[in-house]
Amino acid sequence: MKIGVLAMQGAYREHISMLKDLDVSILEIRNKEELKGIDGLIIPGGESTTMGKLIRTLDLYNDLKGMIEEGLPVWGT
Protein backbone atom coordinates (compact mmCIF):
# COMPACT_ATOMS: atom_id res chain seq x y z
CA MET A 1 0.00 0.00 0.00
CA LYS A 2 1.31 3.44 -0.92
CA ILE A 3 -0.01 6.57 0.79
CA GLY A 4 0.34 9.97 -0.83
CA VAL A 5 0.85 13.06 1.29
CA LEU A 6 -0.10 16.36 -0.31
CA ALA A 7 3.25 18.08 0.25
CA MET A 8 2.63 21.73 -0.50
CA GLN A 9 2.24 23.47 2.82
CA GLY A 10 0.99 22.71 6.26
CA ALA A 11 2.40 19.97 8.46
CA TYR A 12 3.24 17.55 5.66
CA ARG A 13 6.75 16.86 7.00
CA GLU A 14 5.34 15.68 10.32
CA HIS A 15 2.85 13.39 8.56
CA ILE A 16 5.61 11.92 6.39
CA SER A 17 7.84 11.39 9.42
CA MET A 18 5.11 9.53 11.32
CA LEU A 19 4.28 7.34 8.33
CA LYS A 20 7.97 6.47 7.90
CA ASP A 21 8.13 5.56 11.60
CA LEU A 22 5.22 3.19 10.95
CA ASP A 23 7.07 1.71 7.94
CA VAL A 24 4.36 2.88 5.53
CA SER A 25 5.29 3.41 1.89
CA ILE A 26 4.74 7.10 1.16
CA LEU A 27 4.88 9.43 -1.80
CA GLU A 28 5.09 13.19 -1.51
CA ILE A 29 2.49 14.64 -3.89
CA ARG A 30 3.46 17.87 -5.63
CA ASN A 31 2.34 17.20 -9.21
CA LYS A 32 -0.12 15.13 -11.27
CA GLU A 33 2.34 12.39 -12.12
CA GLU A 34 2.86 11.61 -8.44
CA LEU A 35 -0.84 10.78 -8.01
CA LYS A 36 -0.44 7.58 -10.01
CA GLY A 37 -0.43 4.43 -7.95
CA ILE A 38 -1.40 5.82 -4.55
CA ASP A 39 -3.85 3.84 -2.44
CA GLY A 40 -4.78 6.66 -0.09
CA LEU A 41 -4.13 10.36 0.44
CA ILE A 42 -3.40 12.54 3.44
CA ILE A 43 -4.15 16.24 3.13
CA PRO A 44 -2.26 17.97 5.96
CA GLY A 45 -3.79 20.89 7.76
CA GLY A 46 -2.77 24.35 6.72
CA GLU A 47 -4.32 27.41 5.16
CA SER A 48 -7.20 25.98 3.11
CA THR A 49 -7.42 28.97 0.76
CA THR A 50 -3.74 28.66 -0.11
CA MET A 51 -4.02 24.89 -0.48
CA GLY A 52 -6.99 25.28 -2.84
CA LYS A 53 -5.12 27.81 -4.95
CA LEU A 54 -2.03 25.60 -5.15
CA ILE A 55 -4.06 22.54 -6.11
CA ARG A 56 -5.67 24.48 -8.95
CA THR A 57 -2.45 26.24 -10.05
CA LEU A 58 -0.64 22.89 -10.23
CA ASP A 59 -3.58 21.39 -12.18
CA LEU A 60 -4.27 18.74 -9.51
CA TYR A 61 -7.87 19.66 -8.73
CA ASN A 62 -9.73 17.64 -11.37
CA ASP A 63 -7.55 14.55 -10.93
CA LEU A 64 -7.89 14.64 -7.14
CA LYS A 65 -11.63 15.23 -7.34
CA GLY A 66 -12.07 12.32 -9.72
CA MET A 67 -9.96 9.96 -7.61
CA ILE A 68 -11.86 10.89 -4.47
CA GLU A 69 -15.22 10.45 -6.19
CA GLU A 70 -14.05 6.98 -7.31
CA GLY A 71 -13.38 6.01 -3.70
CA LEU A 72 -9.78 6.99 -2.92
CA PRO A 73 -9.50 7.00 0.89
CA VAL A 74 -8.60 10.50 2.09
CA TRP A 75 -7.71 11.83 5.52
CA GLY A 76 -7.54 15.57 6.09
CA THR A 77 -6.10 17.03 9.25
PDB file of N, CA and C in Angstrom:
ATOM      1  N   MET A   1       0.849  -1.173   0.000  1.00  0.00           N
ATOM      2  CA  MET A   1       0.000   0.000   0.000  1.00  0.00           C
ATOM      3  C   MET A   1       0.895   1.237   0.000  1.00  0.00           C
ATOM      4  N   LYS A   2       0.558   2.194  -0.845  1.00  0.00           N
ATOM      5  CA  LYS A   2       1.310   3.443  -0.923  1.00  0.00           C
ATOM      6  C   LYS A   2       0.371   4.605  -0.598  1.00  0.00           C
ATOM      7  N   ILE A   3       0.786   5.423   0.363  1.00  0.00           N
ATOM      8  CA  ILE A   3      -0.007   6.567   0.792  1.00  0.00           C
ATOM      9  C   ILE A   3       0.645   7.849   0.279  1.00  0.00           C
ATOM     10  N   GLY A   4      -0.140   8.671  -0.382  1.00  0.00           N
ATOM     11  CA  GLY A   4       0.335   9.967  -0.835  1.00  0.00           C
ATOM     12  C   GLY A   4       0.066  11.015   0.235  1.00  0.00           C
ATOM     13  N   VAL A   5       1.015  11.933   0.380  1.00  0.00           N
ATOM     14  CA  VAL A   5       0.848  13.060   1.294  1.00  0.00           C
ATOM     15  C   VAL A   5       0.954  14.318   0.457  1.00  0.00           C
ATOM     16  N   LEU A   6      -0.109  15.112   0.437  1.00  0.00           N
ATOM     17  CA  LEU A   6      -0.099  16.360  -0.309  1.00  0.00           C
ATOM     18  C   LEU A   6       0.951  17.275   0.334  1.00  0.00           C
ATOM     19  N   ALA A   7       2.075  17.439  -0.339  1.00  0.00           N
ATOM     20  CA  ALA A   7       3.255  18.081   0.251  1.00  0.00           C
ATOM     21  C   ALA A   7       3.458  19.470  -0.325  1.00  0.00           C
ATOM     22  N   MET A   8       2.557  20.366   0.016  1.00  0.00           N
ATOM     23  CA  MET A   8       2.633  21.728  -0.504  1.00  0.00           C
ATOM     24  C   MET A   8       2.842  22.737   0.603  1.00  0.00           C
ATOM     25  N   GLN A   9       2.120  22.587   1.658  1.00  0.00           N
ATOM     26  CA  GLN A   9       2.241  23.470   2.816  1.00  0.00           C
ATOM     27  C   GLN A   9       1.531  22.791   3.965  1.00  0.00           C
ATOM     28  N   GLY A  10       1.577  23.377   5.106  1.00  0.00           N
ATOM     29  CA  GLY A  10       0.987  22.715   6.261  1.00  0.00           C
ATOM     30  C   GLY A  10       1.995  21.762   6.879  1.00  0.00           C
ATOM     31  N   ALA A  11       1.528  20.856   7.681  1.00  0.00           N
ATOM     32  CA  ALA A  11       2.404  19.969   8.457  1.00  0.00           C
ATOM     33  C   ALA A  11       2.730  18.679   7.705  1.00  0.00           C
ATOM     34  N   TYR A  12       3.003  18.772   6.417  1.00  0.00           N
ATOM     35  CA  TYR A  12       3.239  17.547   5.659  1.00  0.00           C
ATOM     36  C   TYR A  12       4.502  16.815   6.116  1.00  0.00           C
ATOM     37  N   ARG A  13       5.519  17.530   6.545  1.00  0.00           N
ATOM     38  CA  ARG A  13       6.751  16.862   6.999  1.00  0.00           C
ATOM     39  C   ARG A  13       6.482  15.974   8.217  1.00  0.00           C
ATOM     40  N   GLU A  14       5.665  16.461   9.128  1.00  0.00           N
ATOM     41  CA  GLU A  14       5.338  15.678  10.319  1.00  0.00           C
ATOM     42  C   GLU A  14       4.541  14.424   9.952  1.00  0.00           C
ATOM     43  N   HIS A  15       3.624  14.554   9.002  1.00  0.00           N
ATOM     44  CA  HIS A  15       2.854  13.389   8.563  1.00  0.00           C
ATOM     45  C   HIS A  15       3.776  12.357   7.910  1.00  0.00           C
ATOM     46  N   ILE A  16       4.667  12.823   7.066  1.00  0.00           N
ATOM     47  CA  ILE A  16       5.607  11.923   6.390  1.00  0.00           C
ATOM     48  C   ILE A  16       6.503  11.222   7.408  1.00  0.00           C
ATOM     49  N   SER A  17       6.992  11.973   8.380  1.00  0.00           N
ATOM     50  CA  SER A  17       7.844  11.392   9.417  1.00  0.00           C
ATOM     51  C   SER A  17       7.121  10.283  10.183  1.00  0.00           C
ATOM     52  N   MET A  18       5.872  10.532  10.572  1.00  0.00           N
ATOM     53  CA  MET A  18       5.108   9.531  11.316  1.00  0.00           C
ATOM     54  C   MET A  18       4.855   8.280  10.472  1.00  0.00           C
ATOM     55  N   LEU A  19       4.514   8.483   9.201  1.00  0.00           N
ATOM     56  CA  LEU A  19       4.277   7.335   8.330  1.00  0.00           C
ATOM     57  C   LEU A  19       5.553   6.512   8.142  1.00  0.00           C
ATOM     58  N   LYS A  20       6.695   7.184   8.019  1.00  0.00           N
ATOM     59  CA  LYS A  20       7.966   6.468   7.902  1.00  0.00           C
ATOM     60  C   LYS A  20       8.245   5.678   9.177  1.00  0.00           C
ATOM     61  N   ASP A  21       7.951   6.269  10.341  1.00  0.00           N
ATOM     62  CA  ASP A  21       8.134   5.561  11.603  1.00  0.00           C
ATOM     63  C   ASP A  21       7.273   4.306  11.669  1.00  0.00           C
ATOM     64  N   LEU A  22       6.125   4.335  10.986  1.00  0.00           N
ATOM     65  CA  LEU A  22       5.217   3.191  10.953  1.00  0.00           C
ATOM     66  C   LEU A  22       5.533   2.234   9.804  1.00  0.00           C
ATOM     67  N   ASP A  23       6.617   2.527   9.077  1.00  0.00           N
ATOM     68  CA  ASP A  23       7.066   1.714   7.945  1.00  0.00           C
ATOM     69  C   ASP A  23       6.028   1.641   6.824  1.00  0.00           C
ATOM     70  N   VAL A  24       5.345   2.765   6.603  1.00  0.00           N
ATOM     71  CA  VAL A  24       4.359   2.878   5.528  1.00  0.00           C
ATOM     72  C   VAL A  24       5.053   3.444   4.298  1.00  0.00           C
ATOM     73  N   SER A  25       4.750   2.896   3.146  1.00  0.00           N
ATOM     74  CA  SER A  25       5.288   3.415   1.890  1.00  0.00           C
ATOM     75  C   SER A  25       4.581   4.722   1.564  1.00  0.00           C
ATOM     76  N   ILE A  26       5.343   5.790   1.391  1.00  0.00           N
ATOM     77  CA  ILE A  26       4.736   7.100   1.156  1.00  0.00           C
ATOM     78  C   ILE A  26       5.268   7.713  -0.127  1.00  0.00           C
ATOM     79  N   LEU A  27       4.482   8.646  -0.639  1.00  0.00           N
ATOM     80  CA  LEU A  27       4.884   9.430  -1.799  1.00  0.00           C
ATOM     81  C   LEU A  27       4.461  10.866  -1.549  1.00  0.00           C
ATOM     82  N   GLU A  28       5.407  11.781  -1.651  1.00  0.00           N
ATOM     83  CA  GLU A  28       5.091  13.194  -1.508  1.00  0.00           C
ATOM     84  C   GLU A  28       4.446  13.671  -2.803  1.00  0.00           C
ATOM     85  N   ILE A  29       3.243  14.219  -2.714  1.00  0.00           N
ATOM     86  CA  ILE A  29       2.488  14.642  -3.892  1.00  0.00           C
ATOM     87  C   ILE A  29       2.672  16.143  -4.102  1.00  0.00           C
ATOM     88  N   ARG A  30       3.277  16.472  -5.255  1.00  0.00           N
ATOM     89  CA  ARG A  30       3.459  17.872  -5.633  1.00  0.00           C
ATOM     90  C   ARG A  30       3.051  18.125  -7.079  1.00  0.00           C
ATOM     91  N   ASN A  31       2.772  17.036  -7.816  1.00  0.00           N
ATOM     92  CA  ASN A  31       2.341  17.196  -9.208  1.00  0.00           C
ATOM     93  C   ASN A  31       1.465  16.022  -9.623  1.00  0.00           C
ATOM     94  N   LYS A  32       0.848  16.133 -10.790  1.00  0.00           N
ATOM     95  CA  LYS A  32      -0.120  15.133 -11.270  1.00  0.00           C
ATOM     96  C   LYS A  32       0.490  13.747 -11.405  1.00  0.00           C
ATOM     97  N   GLU A  33       1.717  13.681 -11.885  1.00  0.00           N
ATOM     98  CA  GLU A  33       2.344  12.388 -12.123  1.00  0.00           C
ATOM     99  C   GLU A  33       2.496  11.586 -10.833  1.00  0.00           C
ATOM    100  N   GLU A  34       2.663  12.284  -9.720  1.00  0.00           N
ATOM    101  CA  GLU A  34       2.856  11.607  -8.440  1.00  0.00           C
ATOM    102  C   GLU A  34       1.564  11.033  -7.870  1.00  0.00           C
ATOM    103  N   LEU A  35       0.437  11.352  -8.463  1.00  0.00           N
ATOM    104  CA  LEU A  35      -0.837  10.783  -8.006  1.00  0.00           C
ATOM    105  C   LEU A  35      -1.008   9.329  -8.439  1.00  0.00           C
ATOM    106  N   LYS A  36      -0.289   8.937  -9.468  1.00  0.00           N
ATOM    107  CA  LYS A  36      -0.436   7.585 -10.009  1.00  0.00           C
ATOM    108  C   LYS A  36       0.033   6.535  -9.004  1.00  0.00           C
ATOM    109  N   GLY A  37      -0.804   5.561  -8.770  1.00  0.00           N
ATOM    110  CA  GLY A  37      -0.429   4.429  -7.946  1.00  0.00           C
ATOM    111  C   GLY A  37      -0.593   4.596  -6.447  1.00  0.00           C
ATOM    112  N   ILE A  38      -1.195   5.702  -5.995  1.00  0.00           N
ATOM    113  CA  ILE A  38      -1.402   5.817  -4.551  1.00  0.00           C
ATOM    114  C   ILE A  38      -2.697   5.105  -4.158  1.00  0.00           C
ATOM    115  N   ASP A  39      -2.689   4.572  -2.953  1.00  0.00           N
ATOM    116  CA  ASP A  39      -3.848   3.837  -2.438  1.00  0.00           C
ATOM    117  C   ASP A  39      -4.644   4.645  -1.431  1.00  0.00           C
ATOM    118  N   GLY A  40      -4.118   5.778  -1.032  1.00  0.00           N
ATOM    119  CA  GLY A  40      -4.776   6.661  -0.086  1.00  0.00           C
ATOM    120  C   GLY A  40      -4.059   7.990  -0.110  1.00  0.00           C
ATOM    121  N   LEU A  41      -4.694   9.017   0.463  1.00  0.00           N
ATOM    122  CA  LEU A  41      -4.133  10.358   0.436  1.00  0.00           C
ATOM    123  C   LEU A  41      -4.342  11.041   1.777  1.00  0.00           C
ATOM    124  N   ILE A  42      -3.296  11.697   2.255  1.00  0.00           N
ATOM    125  CA  ILE A  42      -3.402  12.543   3.445  1.00  0.00           C
ATOM    126  C   ILE A  42      -3.258  13.978   2.983  1.00  0.00           C
ATOM    127  N   ILE A  43      -4.203  14.815   3.416  1.00  0.00           N
ATOM    128  CA  ILE A  43      -4.152  16.245   3.130  1.00  0.00           C
ATOM    129  C   ILE A  43      -3.872  16.930   4.470  1.00  0.00           C
ATOM    130  N   PRO A  44      -2.610  17.352   4.685  1.00  0.00           N
ATOM    131  CA  PRO A  44      -2.258  17.966   5.957  1.00  0.00           C
ATOM    132  C   PRO A  44      -2.958  19.300   6.169  1.00  0.00           C
ATOM    133  N   GLY A  45      -3.191  19.615   7.424  1.00  0.00           N
ATOM    134  CA  GLY A  45      -3.789  20.892   7.759  1.00  0.00           C
ATOM    135  C   GLY A  45      -2.888  22.050   7.360  1.00  0.00           C
ATOM    136  N   GLY A  46      -3.484  23.154   7.128  1.00  0.00           N
ATOM    137  CA  GLY A  46      -2.769  24.352   6.719  1.00  0.00           C
ATOM    138  C   GLY A  46      -3.803  25.399   6.347  1.00  0.00           C
ATOM    139  N   GLU A  47      -3.413  26.361   5.622  1.00  0.00           N
ATOM    140  CA  GLU A  47      -4.320  27.408   5.160  1.00  0.00           C
ATOM    141  C   GLU A  47      -5.106  26.872   3.964  1.00  0.00           C
ATOM    142  N   SER A  48      -6.390  26.622   4.144  1.00  0.00           N
ATOM    143  CA  SER A  48      -7.198  25.975   3.114  1.00  0.00           C
ATOM    144  C   SER A  48      -7.308  26.803   1.838  1.00  0.00           C
ATOM    145  N   THR A  49      -7.346  28.126   1.959  1.00  0.00           N
ATOM    146  CA  THR A  49      -7.423  28.966   0.761  1.00  0.00           C
ATOM    147  C   THR A  49      -6.159  28.812  -0.074  1.00  0.00           C
ATOM    148  N   THR A  50      -5.020  28.835   0.585  1.00  0.00           N
ATOM    149  CA  THR A  50      -3.741  28.663  -0.107  1.00  0.00           C
ATOM    150  C   THR A  50      -3.656  27.280  -0.727  1.00  0.00           C
ATOM    151  N   MET A  51      -4.054  26.264   0.023  1.00  0.00           N
ATOM    152  CA  MET A  51      -4.017  24.885  -0.481  1.00  0.00           C
ATOM    153  C   MET A  51      -4.893  24.764  -1.718  1.00  0.00           C
ATOM    154  N   GLY A  52      -6.090  25.321  -1.680  1.00  0.00           N
ATOM    155  CA  GLY A  52      -6.990  25.276  -2.838  1.00  0.00           C
ATOM    156  C   GLY A  52      -6.387  25.950  -4.054  1.00  0.00           C
ATOM    157  N   LYS A  53      -5.748  27.097  -3.839  1.00  0.00           N
ATOM    158  CA  LYS A  53      -5.117  27.809  -4.954  1.00  0.00           C
ATOM    159  C   LYS A  53      -3.958  26.998  -5.536  1.00  0.00           C
ATOM    160  N   LEU A  54      -3.150  26.407  -4.669  1.00  0.00           N
ATOM    161  CA  LEU A  54      -2.028  25.605  -5.146  1.00  0.00           C
ATOM    162  C   LEU A  54      -2.502  24.381  -5.928  1.00  0.00           C
ATOM    163  N   ILE A  55      -3.531  23.719  -5.428  1.00  0.00           N
ATOM    164  CA  ILE A  55      -4.062  22.539  -6.108  1.00  0.00           C
ATOM    165  C   ILE A  55      -4.555  22.903  -7.505  1.00  0.00           C
ATOM    166  N   ARG A  56      -5.187  24.042  -7.634  1.00  0.00           N
ATOM    167  CA  ARG A  56      -5.672  24.483  -8.950  1.00  0.00           C
ATOM    168  C   ARG A  56      -4.518  24.961  -9.836  1.00  0.00           C
ATOM    169  N   THR A  57      -3.590  25.727  -9.281  1.00  0.00           N
ATOM    170  CA  THR A  57      -2.455  26.236 -10.047  1.00  0.00           C
ATOM    171  C   THR A  57      -1.614  25.090 -10.605  1.00  0.00           C
ATOM    172  N   LEU A  58      -1.442  24.040  -9.813  1.00  0.00           N
ATOM    173  CA  LEU A  58      -0.643  22.892 -10.234  1.00  0.00           C
ATOM    174  C   LEU A  58      -1.451  21.872 -11.030  1.00  0.00           C
ATOM    175  N   ASP A  59      -2.695  22.224 -11.359  1.00  0.00           N
ATOM    176  CA  ASP A  59      -3.577  21.385 -12.177  1.00  0.00           C
ATOM    177  C   ASP A  59      -3.835  20.012 -11.550  1.00  0.00           C
ATOM    178  N   LEU A  60      -3.978  19.982 -10.233  1.00  0.00           N
ATOM    179  CA  LEU A  60      -4.270  18.744  -9.511  1.00  0.00           C
ATOM    180  C   LEU A  60      -5.752  18.583  -9.191  1.00  0.00           C
ATOM    181  N   TYR A  61      -6.496  19.670  -9.240  1.00  0.00           N
ATOM    182  CA  TYR A  61      -7.874  19.664  -8.733  1.00  0.00           C
ATOM    183  C   TYR A  61      -8.745  18.584  -9.382  1.00  0.00           C
ATOM    184  N   ASN A  62      -8.824  18.583 -10.692  1.00  0.00           N
ATOM    185  CA  ASN A  62      -9.726  17.637 -11.368  1.00  0.00           C
ATOM    186  C   ASN A  62      -9.315  16.189 -11.146  1.00  0.00           C
ATOM    187  N   ASP A  63      -8.015  15.917 -11.170  1.00  0.00           N
ATOM    188  CA  ASP A  63      -7.550  14.553 -10.926  1.00  0.00           C
ATOM    189  C   ASP A  63      -7.871  14.108  -9.502  1.00  0.00           C
ATOM    190  N   LEU A  64      -7.579  14.977  -8.527  1.00  0.00           N
ATOM    191  CA  LEU A  64      -7.890  14.640  -7.141  1.00  0.00           C
ATOM    192  C   LEU A  64      -9.385  14.436  -6.933  1.00  0.00           C
ATOM    193  N   LYS A  65     -10.172  15.328  -7.481  1.00  0.00           N
ATOM    194  CA  LYS A  65     -11.628  15.229  -7.340  1.00  0.00           C
ATOM    195  C   LYS A  65     -12.134  13.913  -7.915  1.00  0.00           C
ATOM    196  N   GLY A  66     -11.656  13.569  -9.092  1.00  0.00           N
ATOM    197  CA  GLY A  66     -12.074  12.316  -9.722  1.00  0.00           C
ATOM    198  C   GLY A  66     -11.665  11.096  -8.914  1.00  0.00           C
ATOM    199  N   MET A  67     -10.434  11.101  -8.409  1.00  0.00           N
ATOM    200  CA  MET A  67      -9.962   9.963  -7.614  1.00  0.00           C
ATOM    201  C   MET A  67     -10.764   9.811  -6.333  1.00  0.00           C
ATOM    202  N   ILE A  68     -11.078  10.928  -5.701  1.00  0.00           N
ATOM    203  CA  ILE A  68     -11.860  10.890  -4.466  1.00  0.00           C
ATOM    204  C   ILE A  68     -13.282  10.406  -4.747  1.00  0.00           C
ATOM    205  N   GLU A  69     -13.871  10.895  -5.823  1.00  0.00           N
ATOM    206  CA  GLU A  69     -15.218  10.447  -6.190  1.00  0.00           C
ATOM    207  C   GLU A  69     -15.249   8.960  -6.521  1.00  0.00           C
ATOM    208  N   GLU A  70     -14.127   8.416  -6.991  1.00  0.00           N
ATOM    209  CA  GLU A  70     -14.048   6.983  -7.309  1.00  0.00           C
ATOM    210  C   GLU A  70     -13.704   6.133  -6.088  1.00  0.00           C
ATOM    211  N   GLY A  71     -13.554   6.776  -4.929  1.00  0.00           N
ATOM    212  CA  GLY A  71     -13.385   6.008  -3.703  1.00  0.00           C
ATOM    213  C   GLY A  71     -11.997   6.041  -3.065  1.00  0.00           C
ATOM    214  N   LEU A  72     -11.092   6.894  -3.544  1.00  0.00           N
ATOM    215  CA  LEU A  72      -9.778   6.985  -2.920  1.00  0.00           C
ATOM    216  C   LEU A  72      -9.951   7.393  -1.454  1.00  0.00           C
ATOM    217  N   PRO A  73      -9.428   6.607  -0.521  1.00  0.00           N
ATOM    218  CA  PRO A  73      -9.497   7.000   0.887  1.00  0.00           C
ATOM    219  C   PRO A  73      -8.675   8.265   1.115  1.00  0.00           C
ATOM    220  N   VAL A  74      -9.252   9.229   1.831  1.00  0.00           N
ATOM    221  CA  VAL A  74      -8.597  10.505   2.093  1.00  0.00           C
ATOM    222  C   VAL A  74      -8.761  10.850   3.563  1.00  0.00           C
ATOM    223  N   TRP A  75      -7.670  11.361   4.149  1.00  0.00           N
ATOM    224  CA  TRP A  75      -7.713  11.828   5.521  1.00  0.00           C
ATOM    225  C   TRP A  75      -7.166  13.251   5.531  1.00  0.00           C
ATOM    226  N   GLY A  76      -7.965  14.189   5.960  1.00  0.00           N
ATOM    227  CA  GLY A  76      -7.542  15.574   6.087  1.00  0.00           C
ATOM    228  C   GLY A  76      -7.392  15.937   7.545  1.00  0.00           C
ATOM    229  N   THR A  77      -6.322  16.639   7.854  1.00  0.00           N
ATOM    230  CA  THR A  77      -6.097  17.026   9.247  1.00  0.00           C
ATOM    231  C   THR A  77      -6.173  18.526   9.407  1.00  0.00           C
TER     232      THR A  77
END
